[in-house]
Amino acid sequence: MNDHQSQGPLVLINTFTAVDGGLDALAAFQVAEMQDMSAAASAHGWLGNEVYRSHDDTSLIVVTRFRSELAKDAWAATERFGQHVEDLEPLVRDVTSVPVTPIAAHGDGRRADHGS
């Protein structure tokens, strides 16, 4: 682990591929879990999430931020996060998680609210 990785912030692009026809259930589960876990996760250095739905209705993309990689590892080691992963398994076919390094941002930062 290099200094940048250990001293963060850490940003992860997580892609959850839903079981066939199960994106609505996956999205509802993830949003409810994020709300339920937010206090505990924040205590471990979680900074927040952004949740996106793919236009082909197969995947949920979650951009997750932690104070550092060490903070993410501390949260991942908790019983609560372990229970979340166990409860998530029947809803997904595949999960990928890619750490990224922000290099630039443009625009005013406001998201368009397109509704559901």
Protein backbone atom coordinates (compact mmCIF):
# COMPACT_ATOMS: atom_id res chain seq x y z
CA MET A 1 0.00 0.00 0.00
CA ASN A 2 1.48 3.35 -0.97
CA ASP A 3 1.16 6.56 1.10
CA HIS A 4 -1.72 7.88 -1.03
CA GLN A 5 -3.73 4.70 -0.46
CA SER A 6 -3.23 4.65 3.29
CA GLN A 7 -3.81 8.36 3.88
CA GLY A 8 -6.87 8.71 1.61
CA PRO A 9 -9.54 9.78 1.09
CA LEU A 10 -10.45 6.53 -0.61
CA VAL A 11 -13.02 6.50 -3.40
CA LEU A 12 -14.46 3.22 -4.67
CA ILE A 13 -16.62 2.60 -7.74
CA ASN A 14 -18.76 -0.41 -6.83
CA THR A 15 -20.85 -2.13 -9.50
CA PHE A 16 -23.55 -4.54 -8.38
CA THR A 17 -25.05 -6.66 -11.16
CA ALA A 18 -28.52 -7.71 -10.05
CA VAL A 19 -29.98 -11.17 -10.42
CA ASP A 20 -32.22 -11.25 -13.49
CA GLY A 21 -35.12 -8.84 -13.03
CA GLY A 22 -34.04 -7.90 -9.53
CA LEU A 23 -32.66 -4.39 -9.87
CA ASP A 24 -35.58 -2.74 -8.07
CA ALA A 25 -35.19 -5.07 -5.08
CA LEU A 26 -31.43 -4.56 -5.07
CA ALA A 27 -31.77 -0.77 -5.21
CA ALA A 28 -34.37 -0.72 -2.43
CA PHE A 29 -32.21 -2.97 -0.25
CA GLN A 30 -29.02 -0.95 -0.80
CA VAL A 31 -30.67 2.42 -0.14
CA ALA A 32 -32.36 1.14 3.04
CA GLU A 33 -29.12 -0.45 4.25
CA MET A 34 -27.12 2.72 3.59
CA GLN A 35 -29.56 4.69 5.70
CA ASP A 36 -29.54 2.07 8.46
CA MET A 37 -25.75 1.70 8.52
CA SER A 38 -24.81 5.37 8.10
CA ALA A 39 -24.14 6.17 11.78
CA ALA A 40 -22.05 3.04 12.37
CA ALA A 41 -20.20 3.40 9.07
CA SER A 42 -19.51 7.09 9.72
CA ALA A 43 -17.94 6.18 13.07
CA HIS A 44 -15.46 4.06 11.07
CA GLY A 45 -14.56 6.80 8.57
CA TRP A 46 -17.24 6.40 5.90
CA LEU A 47 -17.83 9.76 4.19
CA GLY A 48 -20.82 8.93 1.99
CA ASN A 49 -22.22 7.28 -1.13
CA GLU A 50 -23.78 8.22 -4.43
CA VAL A 51 -26.07 5.60 -5.98
CA TYR A 52 -26.74 5.29 -9.71
CA ARG A 53 -28.91 2.93 -11.76
CA SER A 54 -27.64 1.76 -15.14
CA HIS A 55 -29.83 2.69 -18.09
CA ASP A 56 -30.04 -0.98 -19.13
CA ASP A 57 -31.61 -1.83 -15.73
CA THR A 58 -29.02 -4.49 -14.89
CA SER A 59 -26.68 -2.75 -12.46
CA LEU A 60 -26.48 -0.48 -9.48
CA ILE A 61 -23.36 1.68 -9.29
CA VAL A 62 -22.35 3.02 -5.89
CA VAL A 63 -19.58 5.58 -5.50
CA THR A 64 -18.33 5.20 -1.93
CA ARG A 65 -15.96 7.47 -0.05
CA PHE A 66 -13.95 6.73 3.09
CA ARG A 67 -11.54 8.89 5.06
CA SER A 68 -8.78 6.39 4.16
CA GLU A 69 -8.17 2.81 3.10
CA LEU A 70 -7.55 1.97 6.74
CA ALA A 71 -10.99 3.37 7.61
CA LYS A 72 -12.61 1.24 4.88
CA ASP A 73 -10.80 -1.85 6.18
CA ALA A 74 -11.97 -1.13 9.75
CA TRP A 75 -15.58 -0.83 8.58
CA ALA A 76 -15.31 -3.98 6.42
CA ALA A 77 -14.17 -5.94 9.49
CA THR A 78 -17.32 -5.12 11.50
CA GLU A 79 -20.08 -7.60 12.22
CA ARG A 80 -22.66 -5.14 10.81
CA PHE A 81 -20.92 -4.91 7.44
CA GLY A 82 -20.52 -8.70 7.36
CA GLN A 83 -24.27 -9.07 7.89
CA HIS A 84 -24.90 -6.57 5.07
CA VAL A 85 -22.76 -8.61 2.67
CA GLU A 86 -24.51 -11.83 3.66
CA ASP A 87 -27.96 -10.27 3.15
CA LEU A 88 -26.87 -8.80 -0.19
CA GLU A 89 -25.66 -12.07 -1.74
CA PRO A 90 -29.07 -13.39 -2.94
CA LEU A 91 -29.71 -10.10 -4.79
CA VAL A 92 -26.54 -9.98 -6.93
CA ARG A 93 -24.94 -12.01 -9.69
CA ASP A 94 -21.65 -10.12 -9.53
CA VAL A 95 -19.95 -7.33 -7.60
CA THR A 96 -16.86 -5.38 -8.58
CA SER A 97 -15.17 -2.72 -6.50
CA VAL A 98 -12.51 -0.50 -8.05
CA PRO A 99 -10.56 2.09 -6.06
CA VAL A 100 -10.08 5.30 -8.06
CA THR A 101 -8.13 8.51 -7.65
CA PRO A 102 -9.96 11.73 -8.51
CA ILE A 103 -7.91 13.95 -10.82
CA ALA A 104 -10.39 16.66 -11.85
CA ALA A 105 -13.97 17.84 -11.42
CA HIS A 106 -15.88 20.31 -13.55
CA GLY A 107 -19.29 21.97 -13.26
CA ASP A 108 -21.25 23.29 -10.34
CA GLY A 109 -21.62 19.94 -8.57
CA ARG A 110 -25.42 19.90 -8.65
CA ARG A 111 -27.12 16.68 -9.66
CA ALA A 112 -30.10 16.69 -11.92
CA ASP A 113 -33.15 15.23 -10.22
CA HIS A 114 -34.82 13.09 -12.85
CA GLY A 115 -37.11 11.19 -10.49
CA SER A 116 -37.76 7.49 -10.81
